[in-house]
Every structure is written in structure tokens, then in C-alpha cells.
Amino acid sequence: MVVMERGYGGRYSLLMHHTEEEMRKFGLTDQMLLDQEWQKHARPGEVNYNCELTGPSYFTHFDDEDSSTA
């Protein structure tokens, strides 16, 4: 069973209930674990711009769309 629990800042994280070892068995990568650690302490509305999975490196197509409308 996978449990997601509210973290210290109010966002939900798998790391509140599961260990890093368990999460690796679930198939999470190093980057996913780093993001879950951030989620564990983050507040609702905050964005992790340093995460490769959800930060600006993931949404690079928005830069292309902005420049085409200028």
C-alpha cells in the first residue's frame, strides 16, 4: 500500500509515511525522491523550480510559445 500524507508545510508527500528504501522499491528515481523530500517541507502554492521533473526544465515548451506570439 502506498500512503501519501500531509507534510510539515501542508503539501502531501510519500516520504511522510514511507522510507527512501520503500520508495525505491516502488520505482522512484533519485530525482523523484528529491522532489518528495522538497514536498515534505513545502507549503501549498510553492513551486520547486529546481526540480527536473516539475521545474522550468520540464516546461521548456512555454518559452517557445511565448516567443512565437511576440
N, C-alpha and C. Protein backbone atom coordinates (compact mmCIF):
# COMPACT_ATOMS: atom_id res chain seq x y z
N MET A 1 0.83 -1.17 0.00
CA MET A 1 0.00 0.00 0.00
C MET A 1 0.89 1.25 0.00
N VAL A 2 0.52 2.21 -0.82
CA VAL A 2 1.24 3.48 -0.89
C VAL A 2 0.41 4.54 -0.17
N VAL A 3 1.04 5.26 0.76
CA VAL A 3 0.34 6.28 1.55
C VAL A 3 0.99 7.63 1.32
N MET A 4 0.17 8.61 0.94
CA MET A 4 0.63 9.98 0.82
C MET A 4 0.03 10.75 1.99
N GLU A 5 0.88 11.45 2.72
CA GLU A 5 0.45 12.11 3.94
C GLU A 5 0.86 13.58 3.90
N ARG A 6 0.10 14.43 4.57
CA ARG A 6 0.41 15.86 4.60
C ARG A 6 1.75 16.10 5.31
N GLY A 7 2.60 16.87 4.65
CA GLY A 7 3.91 17.16 5.20
C GLY A 7 3.91 18.33 6.16
N TYR A 8 5.10 18.73 6.60
CA TYR A 8 5.26 19.77 7.61
C TYR A 8 4.74 21.12 7.15
N GLY A 9 4.86 21.42 5.85
CA GLY A 9 4.40 22.70 5.33
C GLY A 9 2.97 22.67 4.82
N GLY A 10 2.36 21.51 4.73
CA GLY A 10 0.99 21.41 4.30
C GLY A 10 0.79 20.72 2.96
N ARG A 11 1.87 20.45 2.23
CA ARG A 11 1.75 19.72 0.96
C ARG A 11 1.88 18.23 1.25
N TYR A 12 1.41 17.43 0.34
CA TYR A 12 1.45 15.98 0.53
C TYR A 12 2.74 15.38 -0.02
N SER A 13 3.26 14.38 0.69
CA SER A 13 4.50 13.72 0.31
C SER A 13 4.44 12.25 0.71
N LEU A 14 5.03 11.42 -0.13
CA LEU A 14 5.15 10.00 0.20
C LEU A 14 6.15 9.77 1.32
N LEU A 15 7.12 10.67 1.48
CA LEU A 15 8.17 10.49 2.48
C LEU A 15 7.70 10.69 3.91
N MET A 16 6.48 11.17 4.10
CA MET A 16 5.98 11.29 5.46
C MET A 16 5.67 9.92 6.05
N HIS A 17 5.37 8.97 5.20
CA HIS A 17 4.96 7.64 5.68
C HIS A 17 5.94 6.55 5.26
N HIS A 18 6.61 6.71 4.12
CA HIS A 18 7.47 5.67 3.58
C HIS A 18 8.95 6.06 3.68
N THR A 19 9.80 5.05 3.77
CA THR A 19 11.23 5.29 3.79
C THR A 19 11.75 5.42 2.35
N GLU A 20 12.94 5.95 2.21
CA GLU A 20 13.57 6.06 0.90
C GLU A 20 13.71 4.68 0.26
N GLU A 21 14.06 3.69 1.05
CA GLU A 21 14.21 2.32 0.54
C GLU A 21 12.89 1.79 -0.03
N GLU A 22 11.80 2.01 0.70
CA GLU A 22 10.49 1.58 0.20
C GLU A 22 10.15 2.28 -1.11
N MET A 23 10.43 3.56 -1.16
CA MET A 23 10.09 4.32 -2.36
C MET A 23 10.92 3.88 -3.57
N ARG A 24 12.16 3.51 -3.33
CA ARG A 24 12.98 2.96 -4.42
C ARG A 24 12.38 1.64 -4.92
N LYS A 25 11.87 0.84 -3.99
CA LYS A 25 11.21 -0.40 -4.40
C LYS A 25 9.96 -0.13 -5.22
N PHE A 26 9.28 1.00 -4.94
CA PHE A 26 8.11 1.40 -5.71
C PHE A 26 8.50 1.88 -7.11
N GLY A 27 9.81 2.16 -7.31
CA GLY A 27 10.28 2.58 -8.62
C GLY A 27 10.64 4.05 -8.74
N LEU A 28 10.66 4.79 -7.64
CA LEU A 28 11.01 6.20 -7.71
C LEU A 28 12.50 6.37 -8.00
N THR A 29 12.81 7.34 -8.84
CA THR A 29 14.19 7.65 -9.20
C THR A 29 14.77 8.63 -8.18
N ASP A 30 16.06 8.91 -8.32
CA ASP A 30 16.72 9.88 -7.44
C ASP A 30 16.02 11.24 -7.51
N GLN A 31 15.68 11.68 -8.74
CA GLN A 31 15.01 12.97 -8.91
C GLN A 31 13.64 12.98 -8.26
N MET A 32 12.93 11.88 -8.37
CA MET A 32 11.61 11.78 -7.75
C MET A 32 11.73 11.84 -6.22
N LEU A 33 12.75 11.21 -5.68
CA LEU A 33 12.97 11.24 -4.23
C LEU A 33 13.32 12.65 -3.77
N LEU A 34 14.13 13.36 -4.54
CA LEU A 34 14.47 14.74 -4.19
C LEU A 34 13.21 15.60 -4.17
N ASP A 35 12.34 15.40 -5.15
CA ASP A 35 11.09 16.16 -5.19
C ASP A 35 10.20 15.82 -4.00
N GLN A 36 10.11 14.56 -3.63
CA GLN A 36 9.30 14.17 -2.48
C GLN A 36 9.85 14.76 -1.18
N GLU A 37 11.16 14.86 -1.08
CA GLU A 37 11.77 15.48 0.10
C GLU A 37 11.39 16.96 0.15
N TRP A 38 11.42 17.63 -1.00
CA TRP A 38 11.01 19.03 -1.06
C TRP A 38 9.53 19.16 -0.69
N GLN A 39 8.68 18.29 -1.25
CA GLN A 39 7.24 18.31 -0.97
C GLN A 39 6.96 18.13 0.52
N LYS A 40 7.79 17.37 1.17
CA LYS A 40 7.62 17.07 2.60
C LYS A 40 7.63 18.34 3.45
N HIS A 41 8.38 19.38 2.99
CA HIS A 41 8.53 20.61 3.77
C HIS A 41 7.86 21.82 3.14
N ALA A 42 7.39 21.69 1.91
CA ALA A 42 6.85 22.83 1.17
C ALA A 42 5.43 23.18 1.61
N ARG A 43 5.07 24.45 1.33
CA ARG A 43 3.72 24.93 1.61
C ARG A 43 2.89 24.93 0.33
N PRO A 44 1.58 24.80 0.45
CA PRO A 44 0.72 24.88 -0.74
C PRO A 44 0.98 26.20 -1.49
N GLY A 45 1.03 26.12 -2.80
CA GLY A 45 1.28 27.30 -3.62
C GLY A 45 2.73 27.49 -3.98
N GLU A 46 3.65 26.88 -3.25
CA GLU A 46 5.07 26.98 -3.59
C GLU A 46 5.38 26.08 -4.77
N VAL A 47 6.35 26.49 -5.58
CA VAL A 47 6.76 25.71 -6.75
C VAL A 47 8.25 25.42 -6.63
N ASN A 48 8.62 24.18 -6.88
CA ASN A 48 10.03 23.78 -6.80
C ASN A 48 10.67 23.98 -8.17
N TYR A 49 11.21 25.16 -8.41
CA TYR A 49 11.81 25.48 -9.70
C TYR A 49 13.11 24.74 -9.95
N ASN A 50 13.68 24.13 -8.92
CA ASN A 50 14.95 23.41 -9.07
C ASN A 50 14.76 21.94 -9.41
N CYS A 51 13.54 21.46 -9.43
CA CYS A 51 13.28 20.05 -9.70
C CYS A 51 13.21 19.79 -11.20
N GLU A 52 13.96 18.82 -11.68
CA GLU A 52 13.96 18.49 -13.10
C GLU A 52 12.63 17.91 -13.56
N LEU A 53 11.86 17.37 -12.64
CA LEU A 53 10.57 16.74 -13.01
C LEU A 53 9.45 17.76 -13.13
N THR A 54 9.48 18.81 -12.33
CA THR A 54 8.36 19.75 -12.31
C THR A 54 8.79 21.20 -12.49
N GLY A 55 10.06 21.47 -12.54
CA GLY A 55 10.55 22.83 -12.66
C GLY A 55 10.62 23.32 -14.09
N PRO A 56 11.31 24.43 -14.32
CA PRO A 56 11.34 25.03 -15.65
C PRO A 56 11.99 24.15 -16.71
N SER A 57 12.86 23.23 -16.33
CA SER A 57 13.46 22.36 -17.34
C SER A 57 12.45 21.39 -17.92
N TYR A 58 11.35 21.15 -17.19
CA TYR A 58 10.30 20.25 -17.66
C TYR A 58 9.33 20.98 -18.58
N PHE A 59 9.08 22.25 -18.31
CA PHE A 59 8.11 23.02 -19.08
C PHE A 59 8.79 23.97 -20.08
N THR A 60 9.78 23.48 -20.78
CA THR A 60 10.53 24.34 -21.70
C THR A 60 9.69 24.79 -22.88
N HIS A 61 8.63 24.06 -23.23
CA HIS A 61 7.81 24.45 -24.38
C HIS A 61 7.09 25.78 -24.15
N PHE A 62 6.91 26.22 -22.90
CA PHE A 62 6.27 27.50 -22.66
C PHE A 62 7.13 28.65 -23.17
N ASP A 63 8.45 28.52 -23.09
CA ASP A 63 9.34 29.55 -23.62
C ASP A 63 9.14 29.67 -25.12
N ASP A 64 9.00 28.57 -25.82
CA ASP A 64 8.80 28.59 -27.26
C ASP A 64 7.47 29.26 -27.64
N GLU A 65 6.42 28.96 -26.87
CA GLU A 65 5.11 29.54 -27.14
C GLU A 65 5.12 31.04 -26.91
N ASP A 66 5.81 31.51 -25.86
CA ASP A 66 5.86 32.95 -25.56
C ASP A 66 6.57 33.71 -26.66
N SER A 67 7.64 33.16 -27.20
CA SER A 67 8.42 33.88 -28.20
C SER A 67 7.71 33.90 -29.56
N SER A 68 6.81 32.94 -29.83
CA SER A 68 6.12 32.89 -31.11
C SER A 68 4.96 33.89 -31.18
N THR A 69 4.49 34.38 -30.02
CA THR A 69 3.38 35.33 -30.02
C THR A 69 3.85 36.77 -30.02
N ALA A 70 5.13 36.98 -29.93
CA ALA A 70 5.66 38.36 -29.84
C ALA A 70 5.69 39.03 -31.19
